[in-house]
Amino acid sequence: MADKIQISSNAEQLARTFERLPKRVQTGVSNGLERALLVIESKMRVRCQSTSADSVRFSGSRGGLSSRLTSYVKRLPGMGLDGAIGFRRTRGFPYELAQEFGARAKAGKAMAIPVTDEARAAGSPRNFPGGLVLVKGIHKAVLIKRASPGVFRGGLMVQYVLVKSIRARLGFRQTVNDNVDLISNEMTRGAEAAL
């Protein structure tokens, strides 16, 4: 389910008549769209890094959202210009959707959020080596495993936190919608520079 972004001004006309434009103008429009998408990518990274401690983890590591944020622009012969911005699909892909739209566990169930690298590597608590123990606290329930002696004094290490819901907090669509004018302006500026 992809939301469509509506562009206005001269950029809409440029996109509609792209195939009939001279090659150098096509290159200018394409470069303008690519510039705009790269700027939106950096604005998304800045937005996620500057929000509160309760925000989305947007790390640049291989598994982080920052490394999966991507955009592309292609010229398709006979079909015009194609461009998109979004997240690369990976094994952990539903994470982006849960952060953008929120998520709620099934009735009587909970979602397990991995806290350690070992838990992330295992994926599901069902796949966790050595098994886990459920510990219910006043506000949260956690899954722990007994660690080697001497670690954390008690020898217990939290592996997963159980939650009933995740609120929507990524703001990706909002960031893109807030920058539609940038896309239009950069496409128009690219065409004007090529003339």
N, C-alpha and C. Protein backbone atom coordinates (compact mmCIF):
# COMPACT_ATOMS: atom_id res chain seq x y z
N MET A 1 0.85 -1.16 0.00
CA MET A 1 0.00 0.00 0.00
C MET A 1 0.90 1.23 0.00
N ALA A 2 1.04 1.86 -1.15
CA ALA A 2 1.91 3.03 -1.26
C ALA A 2 1.05 4.28 -1.41
N ASP A 3 1.36 5.28 -0.61
CA ASP A 3 0.69 6.57 -0.74
C ASP A 3 1.28 7.28 -1.95
N LYS A 4 0.44 7.98 -2.68
CA LYS A 4 0.93 8.74 -3.82
C LYS A 4 1.15 10.18 -3.40
N ILE A 5 2.25 10.74 -3.86
CA ILE A 5 2.58 12.13 -3.56
C ILE A 5 2.16 12.95 -4.78
N GLN A 6 1.41 13.99 -4.56
CA GLN A 6 0.98 14.86 -5.63
C GLN A 6 1.92 16.06 -5.72
N ILE A 7 2.50 16.25 -6.89
CA ILE A 7 3.36 17.42 -7.08
C ILE A 7 2.59 18.46 -7.88
N SER A 8 2.94 19.71 -7.68
CA SER A 8 2.21 20.76 -8.35
C SER A 8 3.18 21.66 -9.10
N SER A 9 2.67 22.71 -9.67
CA SER A 9 3.43 23.71 -10.42
C SER A 9 3.96 23.11 -11.71
N ASN A 10 5.06 23.64 -12.18
CA ASN A 10 5.63 23.21 -13.46
C ASN A 10 6.17 21.78 -13.40
N ALA A 11 6.47 21.29 -12.23
CA ALA A 11 7.03 19.94 -12.12
C ALA A 11 6.04 18.89 -12.60
N GLU A 12 4.76 19.10 -12.35
CA GLU A 12 3.74 18.16 -12.81
C GLU A 12 3.74 18.08 -14.33
N GLN A 13 3.82 19.25 -14.98
CA GLN A 13 3.85 19.29 -16.44
C GLN A 13 5.14 18.66 -16.97
N LEU A 14 6.27 18.91 -16.28
CA LEU A 14 7.53 18.31 -16.69
C LEU A 14 7.45 16.78 -16.63
N ALA A 15 6.85 16.26 -15.57
CA ALA A 15 6.74 14.81 -15.42
C ALA A 15 5.83 14.23 -16.50
N ARG A 16 4.74 14.93 -16.82
CA ARG A 16 3.79 14.44 -17.81
C ARG A 16 4.39 14.42 -19.22
N THR A 17 5.21 15.43 -19.53
CA THR A 17 5.78 15.54 -20.89
C THR A 17 7.25 15.14 -20.94
N PHE A 18 7.70 14.39 -19.96
CA PHE A 18 9.12 14.07 -19.82
C PHE A 18 9.73 13.48 -21.09
N GLU A 19 9.04 12.54 -21.72
CA GLU A 19 9.58 11.86 -22.91
C GLU A 19 9.75 12.81 -24.10
N ARG A 20 8.98 13.87 -24.16
CA ARG A 20 9.06 14.81 -25.28
C ARG A 20 10.10 15.90 -25.07
N LEU A 21 10.68 15.96 -23.89
CA LEU A 21 11.69 16.99 -23.60
C LEU A 21 13.03 16.62 -24.24
N PRO A 22 13.87 17.63 -24.55
CA PRO A 22 15.22 17.33 -25.04
C PRO A 22 16.01 16.54 -23.99
N LYS A 23 16.96 15.74 -24.42
CA LYS A 23 17.74 14.87 -23.53
C LYS A 23 18.39 15.64 -22.39
N ARG A 24 18.96 16.82 -22.67
CA ARG A 24 19.64 17.57 -21.61
C ARG A 24 18.65 18.06 -20.55
N VAL A 25 17.42 18.38 -20.97
CA VAL A 25 16.39 18.81 -20.02
C VAL A 25 15.92 17.60 -19.20
N GLN A 26 15.80 16.44 -19.85
CA GLN A 26 15.46 15.21 -19.13
C GLN A 26 16.50 14.93 -18.04
N THR A 27 17.77 15.11 -18.39
CA THR A 27 18.84 14.90 -17.40
C THR A 27 18.72 15.90 -16.26
N GLY A 28 18.41 17.16 -16.57
CA GLY A 28 18.25 18.18 -15.54
C GLY A 28 17.10 17.86 -14.60
N VAL A 29 15.96 17.43 -15.15
CA VAL A 29 14.79 17.08 -14.33
C VAL A 29 15.11 15.87 -13.46
N SER A 30 15.75 14.87 -14.07
CA SER A 30 16.13 13.66 -13.34
C SER A 30 17.09 13.99 -12.20
N ASN A 31 18.09 14.81 -12.47
CA ASN A 31 19.05 15.21 -11.43
C ASN A 31 18.37 16.03 -10.33
N GLY A 32 17.42 16.88 -10.71
CA GLY A 32 16.68 17.66 -9.72
C GLY A 32 15.86 16.78 -8.79
N LEU A 33 15.20 15.77 -9.36
CA LEU A 33 14.43 14.83 -8.53
C LEU A 33 15.35 14.04 -7.61
N GLU A 34 16.49 13.62 -8.14
CA GLU A 34 17.45 12.87 -7.32
C GLU A 34 17.98 13.73 -6.16
N ARG A 35 18.28 15.01 -6.44
CA ARG A 35 18.74 15.93 -5.39
C ARG A 35 17.68 16.07 -4.30
N ALA A 36 16.43 16.25 -4.72
CA ALA A 36 15.34 16.44 -3.76
C ALA A 36 15.17 15.21 -2.87
N LEU A 37 15.23 14.02 -3.45
CA LEU A 37 15.06 12.80 -2.66
C LEU A 37 16.22 12.61 -1.68
N LEU A 38 17.43 12.98 -2.08
CA LEU A 38 18.57 12.89 -1.16
C LEU A 38 18.44 13.88 -0.01
N VAL A 39 17.91 15.07 -0.29
CA VAL A 39 17.69 16.06 0.77
C VAL A 39 16.63 15.54 1.74
N ILE A 40 15.57 14.94 1.23
CA ILE A 40 14.52 14.38 2.09
C ILE A 40 15.09 13.25 2.95
N GLU A 41 15.95 12.41 2.36
CA GLU A 41 16.61 11.36 3.15
C GLU A 41 17.37 11.97 4.32
N SER A 42 18.16 13.02 4.05
CA SER A 42 18.93 13.62 5.15
C SER A 42 18.03 14.30 6.16
N LYS A 43 16.93 14.91 5.72
CA LYS A 43 15.99 15.51 6.68
C LYS A 43 15.36 14.44 7.57
N MET A 44 15.09 13.28 7.01
CA MET A 44 14.52 12.18 7.79
C MET A 44 15.52 11.71 8.84
N ARG A 45 16.78 11.60 8.45
CA ARG A 45 17.82 11.19 9.40
C ARG A 45 17.97 12.21 10.53
N VAL A 46 17.97 13.49 10.18
CA VAL A 46 18.10 14.56 11.19
C VAL A 46 16.90 14.55 12.11
N ARG A 47 15.71 14.39 11.55
CA ARG A 47 14.49 14.38 12.36
C ARG A 47 14.53 13.25 13.40
N CYS A 48 14.94 12.08 12.97
CA CYS A 48 14.94 10.93 13.89
C CYS A 48 16.06 11.03 14.92
N GLN A 49 17.16 11.67 14.59
CA GLN A 49 18.26 11.79 15.55
C GLN A 49 18.04 12.92 16.54
N SER A 50 17.20 13.90 16.19
CA SER A 50 17.04 15.05 17.06
C SER A 50 15.82 14.96 17.98
N THR A 51 15.03 13.90 17.87
CA THR A 51 13.85 13.78 18.73
C THR A 51 14.23 13.21 20.08
N SER A 52 13.27 13.05 20.94
CA SER A 52 13.52 12.66 22.33
C SER A 52 14.10 11.25 22.45
N ALA A 53 14.50 10.90 23.68
CA ALA A 53 15.07 9.57 23.94
C ALA A 53 14.04 8.48 23.71
N ASP A 54 12.76 8.82 23.71
CA ASP A 54 11.68 7.86 23.50
C ASP A 54 11.49 7.57 22.01
N SER A 55 12.32 8.15 21.16
CA SER A 55 12.10 8.07 19.73
C SER A 55 12.58 6.75 19.13
N VAL A 56 12.45 6.66 17.84
CA VAL A 56 12.84 5.50 17.07
C VAL A 56 14.35 5.38 17.05
N ARG A 57 14.86 4.16 17.14
CA ARG A 57 16.31 3.95 17.01
C ARG A 57 16.63 3.96 15.53
N PHE A 58 17.34 4.98 15.11
CA PHE A 58 17.61 5.20 13.69
C PHE A 58 19.10 5.08 13.42
N SER A 59 19.71 4.02 13.92
CA SER A 59 21.17 3.88 13.81
C SER A 59 21.59 3.61 12.37
N GLY A 60 22.86 3.86 12.11
CA GLY A 60 23.41 3.63 10.79
C GLY A 60 24.03 2.26 10.63
N SER A 61 23.90 1.41 11.65
CA SER A 61 24.47 0.07 11.56
C SER A 61 23.74 -0.72 10.48
N ARG A 62 24.27 -1.86 10.15
CA ARG A 62 23.71 -2.66 9.08
C ARG A 62 22.22 -2.96 9.28
N GLY A 63 21.82 -3.14 10.52
CA GLY A 63 20.43 -3.46 10.80
C GLY A 63 19.58 -2.25 11.11
N GLY A 64 20.17 -1.06 11.16
CA GLY A 64 19.43 0.14 11.57
C GLY A 64 18.58 0.73 10.46
N LEU A 65 17.62 1.52 10.85
CA LEU A 65 16.74 2.16 9.87
C LEU A 65 17.49 3.09 8.93
N SER A 66 18.50 3.77 9.44
CA SER A 66 19.24 4.73 8.62
C SER A 66 19.91 4.05 7.43
N SER A 67 20.44 2.86 7.64
CA SER A 67 21.11 2.16 6.54
C SER A 67 20.12 1.60 5.53
N ARG A 68 18.86 1.44 5.92
CA ARG A 68 17.85 0.90 5.01
C ARG A 68 17.06 1.98 4.29
N LEU A 69 17.19 3.24 4.73
CA LEU A 69 16.51 4.34 4.04
C LEU A 69 17.20 4.57 2.70
N THR A 70 16.44 4.58 1.64
CA THR A 70 17.04 4.68 0.31
C THR A 70 16.09 5.40 -0.64
N SER A 71 16.64 5.88 -1.73
CA SER A 71 15.83 6.48 -2.79
C SER A 71 16.49 6.17 -4.13
N TYR A 72 15.71 6.28 -5.18
CA TYR A 72 16.27 6.08 -6.52
C TYR A 72 15.49 6.91 -7.52
N VAL A 73 16.14 7.19 -8.64
CA VAL A 73 15.51 7.86 -9.78
C VAL A 73 15.99 7.12 -11.02
N LYS A 74 15.03 6.71 -11.86
CA LYS A 74 15.37 6.01 -13.10
C LYS A 74 14.62 6.65 -14.26
N ARG A 75 15.30 6.69 -15.39
CA ARG A 75 14.63 7.09 -16.62
C ARG A 75 14.26 5.80 -17.34
N LEU A 76 12.97 5.63 -17.59
CA LEU A 76 12.48 4.42 -18.25
C LEU A 76 12.13 4.76 -19.70
N PRO A 77 12.81 4.14 -20.67
CA PRO A 77 12.55 4.45 -22.08
C PRO A 77 11.07 4.22 -22.43
N GLY A 78 10.47 5.25 -23.00
CA GLY A 78 9.08 5.17 -23.41
C GLY A 78 8.07 5.35 -22.29
N MET A 79 8.54 5.38 -21.04
CA MET A 79 7.61 5.48 -19.91
C MET A 79 7.85 6.71 -19.05
N GLY A 80 8.94 7.41 -19.25
CA GLY A 80 9.19 8.62 -18.47
C GLY A 80 10.15 8.43 -17.32
N LEU A 81 9.85 9.11 -16.24
CA LEU A 81 10.74 9.18 -15.08
C LEU A 81 10.10 8.44 -13.91
N ASP A 82 10.88 7.62 -13.23
CA ASP A 82 10.41 6.88 -12.06
C ASP A 82 11.32 7.21 -10.89
N GLY A 83 10.73 7.55 -9.76
CA GLY A 83 11.51 7.86 -8.57
C GLY A 83 10.76 7.41 -7.33
N ALA A 84 11.51 7.01 -6.32
CA ALA A 84 10.88 6.56 -5.08
C ALA A 84 11.83 6.78 -3.91
N ILE A 85 11.23 6.88 -2.72
CA ILE A 85 12.00 6.96 -1.49
C ILE A 85 11.31 6.03 -0.50
N GLY A 86 12.10 5.32 0.27
CA GLY A 86 11.52 4.38 1.24
C GLY A 86 12.59 3.57 1.93
N PHE A 87 12.19 2.43 2.48
CA PHE A 87 13.10 1.56 3.20
C PHE A 87 13.33 0.28 2.42
N ARG A 88 14.60 -0.13 2.32
CA ARG A 88 14.96 -1.37 1.68
C ARG A 88 14.36 -2.53 2.46
N ARG A 89 13.80 -3.50 1.78
CA ARG A 89 13.19 -4.65 2.44
C ARG A 89 14.30 -5.56 2.98
N THR A 90 14.18 -5.90 4.24
CA THR A 90 15.15 -6.79 4.89
C THR A 90 14.39 -7.78 5.76
N ARG A 91 15.12 -8.63 6.46
CA ARG A 91 14.49 -9.61 7.34
C ARG A 91 13.65 -8.93 8.41
N GLY A 92 14.08 -7.76 8.88
CA GLY A 92 13.36 -7.04 9.93
C GLY A 92 12.41 -5.99 9.39
N PHE A 93 11.96 -6.13 8.15
CA PHE A 93 11.18 -5.08 7.48
C PHE A 93 9.94 -4.63 8.23
N PRO A 94 9.17 -5.49 8.87
CA PRO A 94 7.97 -4.98 9.54
C PRO A 94 8.26 -3.93 10.62
N TYR A 95 9.51 -3.84 11.08
CA TYR A 95 9.87 -2.84 12.09
C TYR A 95 9.54 -1.43 11.61
N GLU A 96 9.88 -1.12 10.35
CA GLU A 96 9.60 0.22 9.80
C GLU A 96 8.09 0.48 9.79
N LEU A 97 7.32 -0.52 9.40
CA LEU A 97 5.88 -0.37 9.34
C LEU A 97 5.30 -0.15 10.74
N ALA A 98 5.81 -0.90 11.72
CA ALA A 98 5.32 -0.75 13.09
C ALA A 98 5.67 0.64 13.63
N GLN A 99 6.83 1.17 13.27
CA GLN A 99 7.22 2.49 13.75
C GLN A 99 6.43 3.59 13.04
N GLU A 100 6.08 3.39 11.79
CA GLU A 100 5.33 4.40 11.03
C GLU A 100 3.84 4.39 11.37
N PHE A 101 3.23 3.21 11.45
CA PHE A 101 1.79 3.11 11.63
C PHE A 101 1.38 2.68 13.04
N GLY A 102 2.34 2.24 13.85
CA GLY A 102 2.01 1.69 15.15
C GLY A 102 1.64 0.22 15.01
N ALA A 103 1.61 -0.49 16.12
CA ALA A 103 1.26 -1.91 16.08
C ALA A 103 0.60 -2.29 17.40
N ARG A 104 -0.25 -3.28 17.35
CA ARG A 104 -0.94 -3.77 18.54
C ARG A 104 -0.87 -5.28 18.52
N ALA A 105 -0.52 -5.87 19.65
CA ALA A 105 -0.45 -7.32 19.77
C ALA A 105 -1.85 -7.90 19.72
N LYS A 106 -1.96 -9.16 19.33
CA LYS A 106 -3.25 -9.85 19.33
C LYS A 106 -3.75 -9.94 20.76
N ALA A 107 -5.05 -10.05 20.90
CA ALA A 107 -5.66 -10.13 22.23
C ALA A 107 -5.06 -11.28 23.03
N GLY A 108 -4.64 -10.96 24.25
CA GLY A 108 -4.05 -11.98 25.12
C GLY A 108 -2.60 -12.30 24.82
N LYS A 109 -2.01 -11.61 23.86
CA LYS A 109 -0.62 -11.85 23.47
C LYS A 109 0.20 -10.59 23.72
N ALA A 110 1.50 -10.69 23.45
CA ALA A 110 2.40 -9.54 23.58
C ALA A 110 3.46 -9.62 22.48
N MET A 111 4.06 -8.48 22.17
CA MET A 111 5.16 -8.44 21.21
C MET A 111 6.46 -8.42 21.99
N ALA A 112 7.42 -9.21 21.56
CA ALA A 112 8.72 -9.28 22.22
C ALA A 112 9.70 -8.38 21.47
N ILE A 113 10.22 -7.38 22.16
CA ILE A 113 11.20 -6.46 21.56
C ILE A 113 12.58 -6.85 22.05
N PRO A 114 13.48 -7.25 21.14
CA PRO A 114 14.82 -7.67 21.56
C PRO A 114 15.62 -6.49 22.11
N VAL A 115 16.38 -6.76 23.18
CA VAL A 115 17.16 -5.72 23.85
C VAL A 115 18.65 -5.93 23.62
N THR A 116 19.10 -7.16 23.49
CA THR A 116 20.52 -7.46 23.34
C THR A 116 20.83 -7.92 21.93
N ASP A 117 22.12 -7.92 21.58
CA ASP A 117 22.54 -8.42 20.28
C ASP A 117 22.21 -9.90 20.12
N GLU A 118 22.34 -10.64 21.20
CA GLU A 118 22.04 -12.08 21.17
C GLU A 118 20.55 -12.31 20.86
N ALA A 119 19.69 -11.49 21.44
CA ALA A 119 18.25 -11.60 21.18
C ALA A 119 17.92 -11.20 19.75
N ARG A 120 18.58 -10.15 19.24
CA ARG A 120 18.36 -9.73 17.85
C ARG A 120 18.79 -10.81 16.88
N ALA A 121 19.91 -11.47 17.18
CA ALA A 121 20.40 -12.54 16.32
C ALA A 121 19.43 -13.72 16.32
N ALA A 122 18.82 -14.01 17.46
CA ALA A 122 17.87 -15.13 17.54
C ALA A 122 16.56 -14.79 16.85
N GLY A 123 16.23 -13.51 16.79
CA GLY A 123 14.96 -13.10 16.19
C GLY A 123 13.83 -13.27 17.18
N SER A 124 13.17 -14.38 17.12
CA SER A 124 12.04 -14.67 18.00
C SER A 124 12.51 -15.29 19.31
N PRO A 125 11.80 -15.04 20.41
CA PRO A 125 12.14 -15.71 21.67
C PRO A 125 12.08 -17.24 21.55
N ARG A 126 11.27 -17.73 20.63
CA ARG A 126 11.19 -19.19 20.41
C ARG A 126 12.50 -19.76 19.90
N ASN A 127 13.27 -18.94 19.19
CA ASN A 127 14.54 -19.39 18.61
C ASN A 127 15.73 -19.13 19.54
N PHE A 128 15.49 -18.53 20.69
CA PHE A 128 16.58 -18.13 21.57
C PHE A 128 17.25 -19.37 22.17
N PRO A 129 18.58 -19.48 22.05
CA PRO A 129 19.28 -20.66 22.56
C PRO A 129 19.26 -20.71 24.09
N GLY A 130 18.96 -21.86 24.64
CA GLY A 130 19.01 -22.04 26.08
C GLY A 130 17.71 -21.72 26.80
N GLY A 131 16.75 -21.16 26.12
CA GLY A 131 15.46 -20.86 26.74
C GLY A 131 15.45 -19.58 27.55
N LEU A 132 14.27 -19.11 27.87
CA LEU A 132 14.07 -17.85 28.57
C LEU A 132 13.07 -18.04 29.71
N VAL A 133 13.11 -17.11 30.65
CA VAL A 133 12.19 -17.13 31.78
C VAL A 133 11.40 -15.82 31.77
N LEU A 134 10.07 -15.91 31.97
CA LEU A 134 9.22 -14.74 32.02
C LEU A 134 9.23 -14.16 33.43
N VAL A 135 9.51 -12.85 33.52
CA VAL A 135 9.48 -12.15 34.81
C VAL A 135 8.54 -10.96 34.64
N LYS A 136 7.48 -10.93 35.47
CA LYS A 136 6.50 -9.84 35.40
C LYS A 136 6.83 -8.80 36.46
N GLY A 137 6.97 -7.56 36.03
CA GLY A 137 7.20 -6.45 36.95
C GLY A 137 5.92 -5.66 37.12
N ILE A 138 6.01 -4.53 37.80
CA ILE A 138 4.83 -3.69 38.02
C ILE A 138 4.33 -3.09 36.70
N HIS A 139 5.25 -2.60 35.88
CA HIS A 139 4.87 -1.92 34.65
C HIS A 139 5.16 -2.72 33.39
N LYS A 140 6.14 -3.62 33.44
CA LYS A 140 6.54 -4.36 32.24
C LYS A 140 6.81 -5.81 32.57
N ALA A 141 6.72 -6.62 31.53
CA ALA A 141 7.13 -8.01 31.64
C ALA A 141 8.36 -8.18 30.74
N VAL A 142 9.31 -8.99 31.18
CA VAL A 142 10.54 -9.20 30.42
C VAL A 142 10.84 -10.69 30.33
N LEU A 143 11.63 -11.04 29.33
CA LEU A 143 12.14 -12.40 29.21
C LEU A 143 13.63 -12.34 29.50
N ILE A 144 14.08 -13.19 30.43
CA ILE A 144 15.49 -13.16 30.82
C ILE A 144 16.10 -14.54 30.64
N LYS A 145 17.41 -14.57 30.63
CA LYS A 145 18.14 -15.83 30.65
C LYS A 145 19.20 -15.71 31.72
N ARG A 146 19.54 -16.81 32.30
CA ARG A 146 20.58 -16.82 33.32
C ARG A 146 21.92 -16.66 32.61
N ALA A 147 22.66 -15.64 33.02
CA ALA A 147 23.95 -15.36 32.40
C ALA A 147 25.05 -16.10 33.15
N SER A 148 26.25 -15.99 32.64
CA SER A 148 27.39 -16.63 33.30
C SER A 148 27.62 -16.00 34.68
N PRO A 149 28.17 -16.73 35.62
CA PRO A 149 28.38 -16.21 36.98
C PRO A 149 29.19 -14.92 36.97
N GLY A 150 28.81 -14.00 37.84
CA GLY A 150 29.53 -12.76 37.99
C GLY A 150 29.01 -11.63 37.12
N VAL A 151 28.12 -11.94 36.17
CA VAL A 151 27.58 -10.89 35.31
C VAL A 151 26.36 -10.29 35.98
N PHE A 152 26.32 -8.97 36.10
CA PHE A 152 25.22 -8.23 36.72
C PHE A 152 24.90 -8.73 38.14
N ARG A 153 25.85 -9.14 38.86
CA ARG A 153 25.74 -9.60 40.25
C ARG A 153 24.72 -10.71 40.43
N GLY A 154 23.51 -10.55 39.99
CA GLY A 154 22.49 -11.58 40.17
C GLY A 154 22.58 -12.64 39.09
N GLY A 155 23.32 -12.37 38.03
CA GLY A 155 23.48 -13.32 36.95
C GLY A 155 22.31 -13.34 35.98
N LEU A 156 21.42 -12.37 36.03
CA LEU A 156 20.29 -12.33 35.13
C LEU A 156 20.49 -11.23 34.09
N MET A 157 20.06 -11.52 32.87
CA MET A 157 20.22 -10.54 31.80
C MET A 157 18.91 -10.47 31.02
N VAL A 158 18.32 -9.28 30.93
CA VAL A 158 17.09 -9.10 30.16
C VAL A 158 17.42 -9.24 28.68
N GLN A 159 16.64 -10.08 28.00
CA GLN A 159 16.84 -10.29 26.56
C GLN A 159 15.73 -9.64 25.73
N TYR A 160 14.49 -9.71 26.22
CA TYR A 160 13.34 -9.14 25.50
C TYR A 160 12.45 -8.39 26.48
N VAL A 161 11.84 -7.32 26.00
CA VAL A 161 10.80 -6.61 26.76
C VAL A 161 9.48 -6.92 26.05
N LEU A 162 8.46 -7.29 26.81
CA LEU A 162 7.16 -7.61 26.23
C LEU A 162 6.26 -6.38 26.30
N VAL A 163 5.65 -6.04 25.19
CA VAL A 163 4.75 -4.88 25.13
C VAL A 163 3.45 -5.26 24.45
N LYS A 164 2.39 -4.53 24.77
CA LYS A 164 1.08 -4.76 24.16
C LYS A 164 0.92 -3.96 22.86
N SER A 165 1.59 -2.81 22.79
CA SER A 165 1.45 -1.99 21.60
C SER A 165 2.68 -1.11 21.40
N ILE A 166 2.84 -0.65 20.17
CA ILE A 166 3.89 0.31 19.79
C ILE A 166 3.16 1.47 19.15
N ARG A 167 3.42 2.68 19.62
CA ARG A 167 2.74 3.83 19.02
C ARG A 167 3.45 4.27 17.74
N ALA A 168 2.69 4.86 16.84
CA ALA A 168 3.26 5.38 15.60
C ALA A 168 4.14 6.57 15.93
N ARG A 169 5.40 6.53 15.46
CA ARG A 169 6.30 7.63 15.83
C ARG A 169 7.41 7.92 14.83
N LEU A 170 7.48 7.20 13.73
CA LEU A 170 8.56 7.43 12.76
C LEU A 170 8.37 8.74 12.00
N GLY A 171 7.18 8.99 11.48
CA GLY A 171 6.91 10.25 10.77
C GLY A 171 7.49 10.32 9.37
N PHE A 172 7.70 9.18 8.72
CA PHE A 172 8.29 9.17 7.38
C PHE A 172 7.37 9.82 6.36
N ARG A 173 6.12 9.42 6.32
CA ARG A 173 5.18 9.99 5.35
C ARG A 173 5.01 11.48 5.56
N GLN A 174 4.97 11.91 6.82
CA GLN A 174 4.82 13.33 7.12
C GLN A 174 6.03 14.12 6.60
N THR A 175 7.23 13.57 6.79
CA THR A 175 8.44 14.24 6.31
C THR A 175 8.42 14.38 4.80
N VAL A 176 8.01 13.31 4.09
CA VAL A 176 7.95 13.38 2.63
C VAL A 176 6.88 14.38 2.20
N ASN A 177 5.70 14.32 2.81
CA ASN A 177 4.63 15.25 2.43
C ASN A 177 5.00 16.71 2.71
N ASP A 178 5.75 16.94 3.78
CA ASP A 178 6.19 18.31 4.10
C ASP A 178 7.17 18.85 3.08
N ASN A 179 7.78 17.97 2.29
CA ASN A 179 8.82 18.39 1.35
C ASN A 179 8.42 18.21 -0.11
N VAL A 180 7.12 18.12 -0.39
CA VAL A 180 6.66 17.99 -1.77
C VAL A 180 7.05 19.21 -2.58
N ASP A 181 6.98 20.38 -1.98
CA ASP A 181 7.38 21.60 -2.70
C ASP A 181 8.86 21.56 -3.09
N LEU A 182 9.68 20.97 -2.23
CA LEU A 182 11.10 20.82 -2.54
C LEU A 182 11.29 19.97 -3.80
N ILE A 183 10.52 18.89 -3.91
CA ILE A 183 10.60 18.02 -5.09
C ILE A 183 10.23 18.81 -6.33
N SER A 184 9.11 19.52 -6.27
CA SER A 184 8.67 20.32 -7.42
C SER A 184 9.70 21.37 -7.80
N ASN A 185 10.22 22.08 -6.79
CA ASN A 185 11.19 23.15 -7.05
C ASN A 185 12.48 22.60 -7.66
N GLU A 186 12.97 21.48 -7.14
CA GLU A 186 14.24 20.93 -7.64
C GLU A 186 14.08 20.39 -9.06
N MET A 187 12.92 19.78 -9.37
CA MET A 187 12.69 19.30 -10.75
C MET A 187 12.63 20.48 -11.71
N THR A 188 11.92 21.54 -11.32
CA THR A 188 11.82 22.73 -12.16
C THR A 188 13.17 23.42 -12.31
N ARG A 189 13.90 23.53 -11.20
CA ARG A 189 15.23 24.15 -11.24
C ARG A 189 16.18 23.35 -12.14
N GLY A 190 16.09 22.03 -12.09
CA GLY A 190 16.93 21.19 -12.95
C GLY A 190 16.62 21.41 -14.42
N ALA A 191 15.34 21.54 -14.76
CA ALA A 191 14.95 21.80 -16.15
C ALA A 191 15.43 23.17 -16.60
N GLU A 192 15.28 24.17 -15.73
CA GLU A 192 15.69 25.54 -16.09
C GLU A 192 17.20 25.62 -16.27
N ALA A 193 17.95 24.91 -15.44
CA ALA A 193 19.41 24.93 -15.54
C ALA A 193 19.90 24.29 -16.83
N ALA A 194 19.12 23.33 -17.35
CA ALA A 194 19.53 22.63 -18.57
C ALA A 194 19.22 23.43 -19.83
N LEU A 195 18.38 24.45 -19.71
CA LEU A 195 18.02 25.24 -20.91
C LEU A 195 19.05 26.27 -21.27
